[in-house]
């Protein structure tokens, strides 16, 4: 992709555009899902103008429990991207869409849909029963309100958002140093 303009003004100080406005939420979810302990941004390409990013593709290594996995991300206000997350496993590809009431989809290595039944009735945590973004948001906000009422830390506490903030900062730092 071609980079337009140098960062300047307020947007140049803090970053701005689709990464901070849209990608931050999915990045936070990826950190929660993987239990990542650190992030390393290895490449960033994007289209920006006046310090605002409109289309960005970046690669990151997430480290957790002695292993690493690569995450390739694309976020755009210019292209129509399928809004969701793909998890690639040895024998399957799992797609978690972000549209309301969208179900989790599982494909074999040839791209054919797999029919898998999951019994969620035995889940230990109520929130583990979420099988769509709507259900996940319900459980997230339910936990959030419960934590406020009990005056305890929750998933949105500042201490739990440090790695997300670090990831965003590394993306913008790398972007700001693009030639």
N, C-alpha and C. Protein backbone atom coordinates (compact mmCIF):
# COMPACT_ATOMS: atom_id res chain seq x y z
N UNK A 1 0.84 -1.18 0.00
CA UNK A 1 0.00 0.00 0.00
C UNK A 1 0.88 1.24 0.00
N UNK A 2 0.34 2.32 -0.47
CA UNK A 2 1.05 3.57 -0.52
C UNK A 2 0.69 4.41 0.69
N UNK A 3 1.69 4.97 1.32
CA UNK A 3 1.46 5.81 2.49
C UNK A 3 1.35 7.25 2.01
N UNK A 4 0.33 7.95 2.47
CA UNK A 4 0.14 9.35 2.09
C UNK A 4 0.44 10.26 3.26
N UNK A 5 1.25 11.28 3.03
CA UNK A 5 1.46 12.34 4.01
C UNK A 5 2.22 11.91 5.26
N UNK A 6 2.73 12.88 5.96
CA UNK A 6 3.38 12.64 7.24
C UNK A 6 2.40 13.01 8.33
N UNK A 7 2.60 12.40 9.47
CA UNK A 7 1.73 12.65 10.61
C UNK A 7 1.91 14.09 11.09
N UNK A 8 0.85 14.75 11.43
CA UNK A 8 0.95 16.10 11.93
C UNK A 8 -0.26 16.46 12.76
N UNK A 9 -0.16 17.55 13.51
CA UNK A 9 -1.28 18.01 14.32
C UNK A 9 -1.64 17.05 15.43
N UNK A 10 -2.86 17.17 15.93
CA UNK A 10 -3.33 16.34 17.03
C UNK A 10 -3.33 14.86 16.65
N UNK A 11 -3.76 14.53 15.44
CA UNK A 11 -3.77 13.13 15.01
C UNK A 11 -2.36 12.57 15.03
N UNK A 12 -1.37 13.40 14.71
CA UNK A 12 0.01 12.95 14.71
C UNK A 12 0.53 12.62 16.09
N UNK A 13 -0.02 13.24 17.10
CA UNK A 13 0.41 12.99 18.47
C UNK A 13 -0.16 11.70 19.03
N UNK A 14 -1.38 11.38 18.66
CA UNK A 14 -2.04 10.25 19.31
C UNK A 14 -2.46 9.14 18.36
N UNK A 15 -2.28 9.35 17.07
CA UNK A 15 -2.83 8.39 16.12
C UNK A 15 -4.28 8.73 15.89
N UNK A 16 -4.84 8.19 14.86
CA UNK A 16 -6.25 8.46 14.60
C UNK A 16 -6.71 7.71 13.40
N UNK A 17 -7.97 7.40 13.36
CA UNK A 17 -8.52 6.69 12.23
C UNK A 17 -9.08 5.34 12.60
N UNK A 18 -9.08 4.42 11.62
CA UNK A 18 -9.76 3.15 11.81
C UNK A 18 -9.09 2.24 12.85
N UNK A 19 -7.80 2.36 13.05
CA UNK A 19 -7.13 1.50 14.04
C UNK A 19 -7.67 1.81 15.43
N UNK A 20 -7.61 3.05 15.82
CA UNK A 20 -8.02 3.41 17.18
C UNK A 20 -9.54 3.38 17.34
N UNK A 21 -10.28 3.66 16.26
CA UNK A 21 -11.73 3.70 16.36
C UNK A 21 -12.39 2.33 16.23
N UNK A 22 -11.83 1.45 15.42
CA UNK A 22 -12.49 0.17 15.15
C UNK A 22 -11.67 -1.04 15.57
N UNK A 23 -10.39 -1.06 15.21
CA UNK A 23 -9.58 -2.26 15.46
C UNK A 23 -9.31 -2.51 16.93
N UNK A 24 -9.28 -1.47 17.73
CA UNK A 24 -8.91 -1.62 19.14
C UNK A 24 -9.79 -2.64 19.86
N UNK A 25 -11.06 -2.70 19.51
CA UNK A 25 -11.98 -3.62 20.19
C UNK A 25 -11.68 -5.07 19.84
N UNK A 26 -11.41 -5.35 18.58
CA UNK A 26 -11.11 -6.72 18.19
C UNK A 26 -9.73 -7.13 18.70
N UNK A 27 -8.78 -6.20 18.74
CA UNK A 27 -7.46 -6.51 19.30
C UNK A 27 -7.57 -6.87 20.78
N UNK A 28 -8.39 -6.13 21.48
CA UNK A 28 -8.63 -6.43 22.89
C UNK A 28 -9.23 -7.83 23.05
N UNK A 29 -10.17 -8.18 22.18
CA UNK A 29 -10.78 -9.51 22.22
C UNK A 29 -9.75 -10.60 21.93
N UNK A 30 -8.86 -10.37 20.96
CA UNK A 30 -7.82 -11.36 20.64
C UNK A 30 -6.89 -11.59 21.83
N UNK A 31 -6.56 -10.52 22.52
CA UNK A 31 -5.71 -10.67 23.71
C UNK A 31 -6.41 -11.48 24.79
N UNK A 32 -7.70 -11.23 24.96
CA UNK A 32 -8.48 -11.97 25.95
C UNK A 32 -8.59 -13.44 25.57
N UNK A 33 -8.89 -13.71 24.31
CA UNK A 33 -9.06 -15.08 23.82
C UNK A 33 -7.77 -15.88 23.94
N UNK A 34 -6.65 -15.27 23.55
CA UNK A 34 -5.38 -16.00 23.53
C UNK A 34 -4.66 -16.01 24.87
N UNK A 35 -5.01 -15.09 25.76
CA UNK A 35 -4.27 -14.98 27.01
C UNK A 35 -2.86 -14.47 26.79
N UNK A 36 -2.67 -13.67 25.74
CA UNK A 36 -1.34 -13.17 25.39
C UNK A 36 -0.72 -12.39 26.53
N UNK A 37 0.61 -12.53 26.64
CA UNK A 37 1.37 -11.85 27.67
C UNK A 37 2.21 -10.71 27.10
N UNK A 38 2.50 -10.77 25.78
CA UNK A 38 3.24 -9.69 25.14
C UNK A 38 2.91 -9.66 23.65
N UNK A 39 3.19 -8.51 23.03
CA UNK A 39 2.95 -8.31 21.61
C UNK A 39 4.20 -7.74 20.96
N UNK A 40 4.44 -8.14 19.71
CA UNK A 40 5.54 -7.59 18.94
C UNK A 40 5.02 -7.32 17.53
N UNK A 41 4.91 -6.06 17.15
CA UNK A 41 4.45 -5.69 15.82
C UNK A 41 5.63 -5.82 14.88
N UNK A 42 5.48 -6.65 13.84
CA UNK A 42 6.59 -6.91 12.93
C UNK A 42 6.48 -6.15 11.61
N UNK A 43 5.27 -5.78 11.19
CA UNK A 43 5.14 -4.99 9.97
C UNK A 43 3.82 -4.25 9.97
N UNK A 44 3.85 -3.07 9.36
CA UNK A 44 2.65 -2.24 9.21
C UNK A 44 2.71 -1.59 7.83
N UNK A 45 1.64 -1.72 7.08
CA UNK A 45 1.49 -1.01 5.81
C UNK A 45 0.14 -0.33 5.84
N UNK A 46 0.09 0.88 5.34
CA UNK A 46 -1.20 1.54 5.40
C UNK A 46 -1.32 2.75 4.52
N UNK A 47 -2.53 3.20 4.43
CA UNK A 47 -2.88 4.39 3.68
C UNK A 47 -3.35 5.43 4.69
N UNK A 48 -2.62 6.54 4.76
CA UNK A 48 -2.95 7.60 5.71
C UNK A 48 -2.89 8.95 5.01
N UNK A 49 -3.62 9.88 5.59
CA UNK A 49 -3.53 11.26 5.12
C UNK A 49 -3.74 12.16 6.32
N UNK A 50 -2.84 13.12 6.49
CA UNK A 50 -2.89 14.07 7.60
C UNK A 50 -2.96 13.36 8.96
N UNK A 51 -2.25 12.25 9.08
CA UNK A 51 -2.18 11.54 10.35
C UNK A 51 -3.34 10.63 10.66
N UNK A 52 -4.29 10.54 9.74
CA UNK A 52 -5.46 9.68 9.94
C UNK A 52 -5.27 8.42 9.09
N UNK A 53 -5.38 7.26 9.71
CA UNK A 53 -5.26 6.01 8.95
C UNK A 53 -6.63 5.59 8.44
N UNK A 54 -6.64 5.21 7.15
CA UNK A 54 -7.89 4.79 6.49
C UNK A 54 -7.88 3.31 6.13
N UNK A 55 -6.71 2.76 5.94
CA UNK A 55 -6.59 1.36 5.56
C UNK A 55 -5.22 0.88 6.06
N UNK A 56 -5.20 -0.13 6.91
CA UNK A 56 -3.95 -0.59 7.51
C UNK A 56 -3.95 -2.11 7.59
N UNK A 57 -2.82 -2.69 7.22
CA UNK A 57 -2.59 -4.13 7.37
C UNK A 57 -1.35 -4.26 8.24
N UNK A 58 -1.44 -5.05 9.30
CA UNK A 58 -0.28 -5.21 10.18
C UNK A 58 -0.16 -6.65 10.67
N UNK A 59 1.09 -7.03 10.95
CA UNK A 59 1.38 -8.36 11.44
C UNK A 59 1.98 -8.24 12.84
N UNK A 60 1.52 -9.11 13.72
CA UNK A 60 1.94 -9.08 15.12
C UNK A 60 2.21 -10.49 15.60
N UNK A 61 3.21 -10.63 16.44
CA UNK A 61 3.44 -11.89 17.15
C UNK A 61 2.90 -11.73 18.56
N UNK A 62 2.00 -12.64 18.96
CA UNK A 62 1.50 -12.68 20.33
C UNK A 62 2.23 -13.79 21.06
N UNK A 63 2.72 -13.51 22.25
CA UNK A 63 3.42 -14.51 23.05
C UNK A 63 2.59 -14.85 24.27
N UNK A 64 2.51 -16.15 24.56
CA UNK A 64 1.77 -16.61 25.74
C UNK A 64 2.26 -17.98 26.14
N UNK A 65 2.43 -18.20 27.41
CA UNK A 65 2.82 -19.48 27.99
C UNK A 65 3.95 -20.15 27.22
N UNK A 66 5.00 -19.41 26.89
CA UNK A 66 6.15 -19.98 26.22
C UNK A 66 5.99 -20.22 24.73
N UNK A 67 4.85 -19.90 24.14
CA UNK A 67 4.69 -20.05 22.69
C UNK A 67 4.35 -18.72 22.05
N UNK A 68 4.40 -18.72 20.72
CA UNK A 68 4.08 -17.52 19.96
C UNK A 68 3.15 -17.90 18.82
N UNK A 69 2.33 -16.95 18.44
CA UNK A 69 1.49 -17.12 17.25
C UNK A 69 1.43 -15.80 16.50
N UNK A 70 1.32 -15.89 15.20
CA UNK A 70 1.26 -14.70 14.38
C UNK A 70 -0.21 -14.30 14.17
N UNK A 71 -0.45 -13.01 14.19
CA UNK A 71 -1.77 -12.45 13.92
C UNK A 71 -1.62 -11.45 12.78
N UNK A 72 -2.33 -11.69 11.69
CA UNK A 72 -2.34 -10.75 10.57
C UNK A 72 -3.68 -10.04 10.60
N UNK A 73 -3.65 -8.71 10.61
CA UNK A 73 -4.87 -7.91 10.75
C UNK A 73 -5.00 -6.93 9.61
N UNK A 74 -6.23 -6.71 9.19
CA UNK A 74 -6.54 -5.70 8.18
C UNK A 74 -7.75 -4.92 8.69
N UNK A 75 -7.64 -3.61 8.64
CA UNK A 75 -8.74 -2.74 9.05
C UNK A 75 -8.83 -1.60 8.04
N UNK A 76 -10.05 -1.29 7.61
CA UNK A 76 -10.18 -0.31 6.54
C UNK A 76 -11.53 0.40 6.59
N UNK A 77 -11.50 1.66 6.23
CA UNK A 77 -12.74 2.38 5.99
C UNK A 77 -12.92 2.57 4.48
N UNK A 78 -12.00 2.03 3.69
CA UNK A 78 -12.05 2.17 2.23
C UNK A 78 -12.43 0.89 1.51
N UNK A 79 -12.14 -0.25 2.13
CA UNK A 79 -12.42 -1.54 1.52
C UNK A 79 -13.50 -2.25 2.32
N UNK A 80 -14.27 -3.08 1.65
CA UNK A 80 -15.29 -3.87 2.31
C UNK A 80 -14.64 -5.17 2.78
N UNK A 81 -14.31 -5.26 4.05
CA UNK A 81 -13.69 -6.44 4.63
C UNK A 81 -14.74 -7.23 5.39
N UNK A 82 -14.60 -8.54 5.39
CA UNK A 82 -15.52 -9.36 6.19
C UNK A 82 -15.15 -9.12 7.65
N UNK A 83 -16.08 -8.64 8.42
CA UNK A 83 -15.83 -8.24 9.79
C UNK A 83 -15.85 -9.46 10.70
N UNK A 84 -14.68 -9.89 11.13
CA UNK A 84 -14.60 -11.05 11.99
C UNK A 84 -13.18 -11.51 12.18
N UNK A 85 -13.04 -12.67 12.82
CA UNK A 85 -11.74 -13.22 13.14
C UNK A 85 -11.68 -14.66 12.65
N UNK A 86 -10.57 -15.00 12.00
CA UNK A 86 -10.32 -16.38 11.58
C UNK A 86 -9.25 -16.97 12.48
N UNK A 87 -9.50 -18.15 13.00
CA UNK A 87 -8.51 -18.89 13.78
C UNK A 87 -8.11 -20.10 12.94
N UNK A 88 -6.83 -20.18 12.59
CA UNK A 88 -6.35 -21.28 11.76
C UNK A 88 -5.69 -22.33 12.66
N UNK A 89 -6.25 -23.54 12.62
CA UNK A 89 -5.73 -24.67 13.38
C UNK A 89 -5.17 -25.71 12.40
N UNK A 90 -4.56 -26.73 12.93
CA UNK A 90 -3.95 -27.76 12.09
C UNK A 90 -4.97 -28.43 11.16
N UNK A 91 -6.19 -28.68 11.67
CA UNK A 91 -7.17 -29.42 10.88
C UNK A 91 -8.46 -28.63 10.61
N UNK A 92 -8.48 -27.37 10.97
CA UNK A 92 -9.72 -26.61 10.77
C UNK A 92 -9.45 -25.11 10.78
N UNK A 93 -10.40 -24.40 10.20
CA UNK A 93 -10.42 -22.94 10.23
C UNK A 93 -11.72 -22.54 10.90
N UNK A 94 -11.62 -21.71 11.93
CA UNK A 94 -12.80 -21.27 12.67
C UNK A 94 -13.00 -19.79 12.39
N UNK A 95 -14.20 -19.44 11.96
CA UNK A 95 -14.54 -18.04 11.69
C UNK A 95 -15.55 -17.55 12.72
N UNK A 96 -15.19 -16.47 13.38
CA UNK A 96 -16.09 -15.82 14.34
C UNK A 96 -16.44 -14.46 13.76
N UNK A 97 -17.62 -14.35 13.18
CA UNK A 97 -18.07 -13.09 12.61
C UNK A 97 -18.49 -12.12 13.70
N UNK A 98 -18.55 -10.86 13.35
CA UNK A 98 -18.90 -9.85 14.33
C UNK A 98 -20.27 -9.22 14.08
N UNK A 99 -21.00 -9.73 13.10
CA UNK A 99 -22.34 -9.22 12.86
C UNK A 99 -23.29 -9.76 13.93
N UNK A 100 -24.32 -9.01 14.21
CA UNK A 100 -25.28 -9.41 15.23
C UNK A 100 -25.85 -10.79 14.92
N UNK A 101 -25.89 -11.64 15.92
CA UNK A 101 -26.44 -13.00 15.85
C UNK A 101 -25.73 -13.93 14.87
N UNK A 102 -24.54 -13.57 14.43
CA UNK A 102 -23.81 -14.44 13.52
C UNK A 102 -23.23 -15.62 14.30
N UNK A 103 -23.40 -16.80 13.78
CA UNK A 103 -22.92 -18.01 14.45
C UNK A 103 -21.46 -18.28 14.09
N UNK A 104 -20.78 -18.99 14.95
CA UNK A 104 -19.41 -19.42 14.69
C UNK A 104 -19.44 -20.47 13.59
N UNK A 105 -18.52 -20.35 12.62
CA UNK A 105 -18.47 -21.28 11.49
C UNK A 105 -17.14 -22.00 11.50
N UNK A 106 -17.18 -23.31 11.20
CA UNK A 106 -15.97 -24.13 11.19
C UNK A 106 -15.83 -24.78 9.83
N UNK A 107 -14.61 -24.69 9.26
CA UNK A 107 -14.32 -25.23 7.93
C UNK A 107 -13.13 -26.19 8.02
N UNK A 108 -13.14 -27.22 7.17
CA UNK A 108 -11.97 -28.09 7.11
C UNK A 108 -10.90 -27.41 6.26
N UNK A 109 -9.74 -28.04 6.11
CA UNK A 109 -8.63 -27.42 5.38
C UNK A 109 -8.90 -27.16 3.91
N UNK A 110 -9.90 -27.84 3.35
CA UNK A 110 -10.25 -27.59 1.95
C UNK A 110 -11.28 -26.48 1.81
N UNK A 111 -11.72 -25.90 2.93
CA UNK A 111 -12.70 -24.82 2.90
C UNK A 111 -14.14 -25.27 2.99
N UNK A 112 -14.37 -26.57 3.17
CA UNK A 112 -15.74 -27.10 3.27
C UNK A 112 -16.26 -26.92 4.69
N UNK A 113 -17.50 -26.49 4.84
CA UNK A 113 -18.08 -26.34 6.18
C UNK A 113 -18.10 -27.69 6.91
N UNK A 114 -17.79 -27.65 8.19
CA UNK A 114 -17.83 -28.85 9.02
C UNK A 114 -19.05 -28.75 9.93
N UNK A 115 -19.68 -29.85 10.16
CA UNK A 115 -20.83 -29.90 11.06
C UNK A 115 -20.33 -30.40 12.41
N UNK A 116 -20.27 -29.52 13.38
CA UNK A 116 -19.78 -29.88 14.70
C UNK A 116 -20.82 -29.43 15.72
N UNK A 117 -21.15 -30.31 16.62
CA UNK A 117 -22.10 -29.98 17.67
C UNK A 117 -21.34 -29.79 18.97
N UNK A 118 -21.59 -28.70 19.62
CA UNK A 118 -20.93 -28.41 20.89
C UNK A 118 -22.00 -28.32 21.96
N UNK A 119 -21.83 -29.09 23.02
CA UNK A 119 -22.77 -29.05 24.13
C UNK A 119 -22.28 -28.01 25.13
N UNK A 120 -22.95 -26.87 25.17
CA UNK A 120 -22.54 -25.80 26.06
C UNK A 120 -23.19 -25.89 27.44
N UNK A 121 -24.04 -26.85 27.64
CA UNK A 121 -24.78 -26.96 28.90
C UNK A 121 -23.87 -27.20 30.10
N UNK A 122 -22.72 -27.83 29.88
CA UNK A 122 -21.83 -28.15 30.99
C UNK A 122 -20.78 -27.08 31.24
N UNK A 123 -20.87 -25.93 30.57
CA UNK A 123 -19.88 -24.88 30.77
C UNK A 123 -19.87 -24.42 32.21
N UNK A 124 -18.67 -24.22 32.71
CA UNK A 124 -18.52 -23.79 34.10
C UNK A 124 -18.96 -22.35 34.26
N UNK A 125 -18.55 -21.50 33.31
CA UNK A 125 -18.89 -20.08 33.39
C UNK A 125 -20.07 -19.79 32.47
N UNK A 126 -20.99 -19.00 32.98
CA UNK A 126 -22.17 -18.65 32.18
C UNK A 126 -21.78 -18.01 30.86
N UNK A 127 -20.79 -17.10 30.86
CA UNK A 127 -20.37 -16.39 29.67
C UNK A 127 -19.78 -17.28 28.60
N UNK A 128 -19.37 -18.49 28.96
CA UNK A 128 -18.81 -19.41 27.99
C UNK A 128 -19.88 -19.94 27.05
N UNK A 129 -21.15 -19.69 27.33
CA UNK A 129 -22.24 -20.15 26.49
C UNK A 129 -22.49 -19.26 25.28
N UNK A 130 -21.78 -18.16 25.15
CA UNK A 130 -22.00 -17.25 24.03
C UNK A 130 -21.63 -17.92 22.73
N UNK A 131 -22.56 -17.93 21.80
CA UNK A 131 -22.30 -18.53 20.49
C UNK A 131 -22.51 -17.51 19.37
N UNK A 132 -22.67 -16.24 19.73
CA UNK A 132 -22.81 -15.17 18.75
C UNK A 132 -22.26 -13.89 19.37
N UNK A 133 -21.92 -12.89 18.55
CA UNK A 133 -21.46 -11.62 19.12
C UNK A 133 -22.49 -10.99 20.06
N UNK A 134 -23.78 -11.08 19.70
CA UNK A 134 -24.81 -10.51 20.59
C UNK A 134 -24.75 -11.14 21.98
N UNK A 135 -24.64 -12.47 22.03
CA UNK A 135 -24.58 -13.15 23.32
C UNK A 135 -23.31 -12.77 24.07
N UNK A 136 -22.19 -12.68 23.37
CA UNK A 136 -20.92 -12.30 24.01
C UNK A 136 -21.02 -10.90 24.59
N UNK A 137 -21.61 -9.96 23.84
CA UNK A 137 -21.78 -8.61 24.35
C UNK A 137 -22.68 -8.60 25.58
N UNK A 138 -23.74 -9.38 25.57
CA UNK A 138 -24.63 -9.46 26.72
C UNK A 138 -23.85 -9.90 27.96
N UNK A 139 -23.09 -10.99 27.83
CA UNK A 139 -22.33 -11.48 28.99
C UNK A 139 -21.25 -10.50 29.43
N UNK A 140 -20.60 -9.85 28.44
CA UNK A 140 -19.58 -8.87 28.77
C UNK A 140 -20.17 -7.74 29.61
N UNK A 141 -21.28 -7.15 29.15
CA UNK A 141 -21.87 -6.03 29.87
C UNK A 141 -22.50 -6.46 31.19
N UNK A 142 -22.99 -7.67 31.24
CA UNK A 142 -23.51 -8.21 32.50
C UNK A 142 -22.38 -8.28 33.53
N UNK A 143 -21.21 -8.82 33.11
CA UNK A 143 -20.04 -8.88 34.00
C UNK A 143 -19.59 -7.48 34.40
N UNK A 144 -19.62 -6.55 33.45
CA UNK A 144 -19.19 -5.18 33.70
C UNK A 144 -20.06 -4.54 34.79
N UNK A 145 -21.37 -4.66 34.66
CA UNK A 145 -22.29 -4.07 35.64
C UNK A 145 -22.16 -4.76 37.00
N UNK A 146 -22.02 -6.08 36.99
CA UNK A 146 -21.81 -6.82 38.25
C UNK A 146 -20.55 -6.33 38.96
N UNK A 147 -19.47 -6.12 38.21
CA UNK A 147 -18.21 -5.66 38.81
C UNK A 147 -18.35 -4.27 39.40
N UNK A 148 -19.07 -3.40 38.72
CA UNK A 148 -19.29 -2.05 39.26
C UNK A 148 -20.08 -2.13 40.55
N UNK A 149 -21.14 -2.93 40.55
CA UNK A 149 -21.95 -3.08 41.77
C UNK A 149 -21.14 -3.66 42.93
N UNK A 150 -20.22 -4.57 42.63
CA UNK A 150 -19.40 -5.20 43.66
C UNK A 150 -18.13 -4.42 43.95
N UNK A 151 -17.87 -3.36 43.16
CA UNK A 151 -16.68 -2.51 43.29
C UNK A 151 -15.40 -3.33 43.17
N UNK A 152 -15.34 -4.16 42.11
CA UNK A 152 -14.14 -4.96 41.85
C UNK A 152 -13.66 -4.70 40.42
N UNK A 153 -12.38 -5.05 40.15
CA UNK A 153 -11.85 -4.91 38.79
C UNK A 153 -12.60 -5.82 37.85
N UNK A 154 -12.69 -5.40 36.59
CA UNK A 154 -13.35 -6.21 35.57
C UNK A 154 -12.53 -6.16 34.29
N UNK A 155 -13.04 -6.74 33.23
CA UNK A 155 -12.30 -6.81 31.96
C UNK A 155 -11.99 -5.43 31.37
N UNK A 156 -12.73 -4.40 31.76
CA UNK A 156 -12.49 -3.08 31.19
C UNK A 156 -11.66 -2.19 32.11
N UNK A 157 -11.19 -2.71 33.22
CA UNK A 157 -10.35 -1.92 34.12
C UNK A 157 -9.06 -1.54 33.41
N UNK A 158 -8.52 -0.39 33.76
CA UNK A 158 -7.30 0.10 33.10
C UNK A 158 -6.17 -0.92 33.17
N UNK A 159 -6.01 -1.58 34.29
CA UNK A 159 -4.93 -2.55 34.44
C UNK A 159 -5.09 -3.71 33.45
N UNK A 160 -6.30 -4.03 33.07
CA UNK A 160 -6.55 -5.12 32.11
C UNK A 160 -6.46 -4.66 30.67
N UNK A 161 -6.24 -3.38 30.44
CA UNK A 161 -6.16 -2.83 29.08
C UNK A 161 -4.75 -2.41 28.69
N UNK A 162 -3.78 -2.66 29.55
CA UNK A 162 -2.42 -2.19 29.28
C UNK A 162 -1.82 -2.82 28.02
N UNK A 163 -2.02 -4.12 27.82
CA UNK A 163 -1.44 -4.77 26.65
C UNK A 163 -2.11 -4.31 25.37
N UNK A 164 -3.41 -4.04 25.42
CA UNK A 164 -4.12 -3.50 24.25
C UNK A 164 -3.54 -2.14 23.89
N UNK A 165 -3.35 -1.30 24.90
CA UNK A 165 -2.77 0.03 24.69
C UNK A 165 -1.37 -0.08 24.10
N UNK A 166 -0.57 -1.00 24.64
CA UNK A 166 0.79 -1.21 24.13
C UNK A 166 0.75 -1.64 22.66
N UNK A 167 -0.17 -2.54 22.31
CA UNK A 167 -0.28 -3.01 20.93
C UNK A 167 -0.60 -1.85 19.99
N UNK A 168 -1.58 -1.04 20.35
CA UNK A 168 -1.95 0.13 19.53
C UNK A 168 -0.78 1.09 19.41
N UNK A 169 -0.08 1.34 20.51
CA UNK A 169 1.08 2.25 20.46
C UNK A 169 2.15 1.72 19.53
N UNK A 170 2.40 0.42 19.56
CA UNK A 170 3.42 -0.17 18.68
C UNK A 170 3.00 -0.07 17.21
N UNK A 171 1.72 -0.24 16.93
CA UNK A 171 1.23 -0.10 15.55
C UNK A 171 1.48 1.35 15.07
N UNK A 172 1.08 2.33 15.89
CA UNK A 172 1.25 3.72 15.48
C UNK A 172 2.71 4.13 15.45
N UNK A 173 3.53 3.63 16.36
CA UNK A 173 4.95 3.94 16.33
C UNK A 173 5.57 3.42 15.04
N UNK A 174 5.24 2.20 14.67
CA UNK A 174 5.76 1.63 13.43
C UNK A 174 5.24 2.41 12.22
N UNK A 175 3.96 2.77 12.24
CA UNK A 175 3.35 3.54 11.15
C UNK A 175 4.04 4.90 11.01
N UNK A 176 4.31 5.57 12.13
CA UNK A 176 4.91 6.90 12.09
C UNK A 176 6.34 6.89 11.56
N UNK A 177 6.98 5.73 11.59
CA UNK A 177 8.35 5.63 11.10
C UNK A 177 8.42 5.07 9.68
N UNK A 178 7.28 4.88 9.04
CA UNK A 178 7.30 4.42 7.64
C UNK A 178 7.89 5.51 6.77
N UNK A 179 8.75 5.10 5.83
CA UNK A 179 9.49 6.02 4.99
C UNK A 179 8.66 6.87 4.14
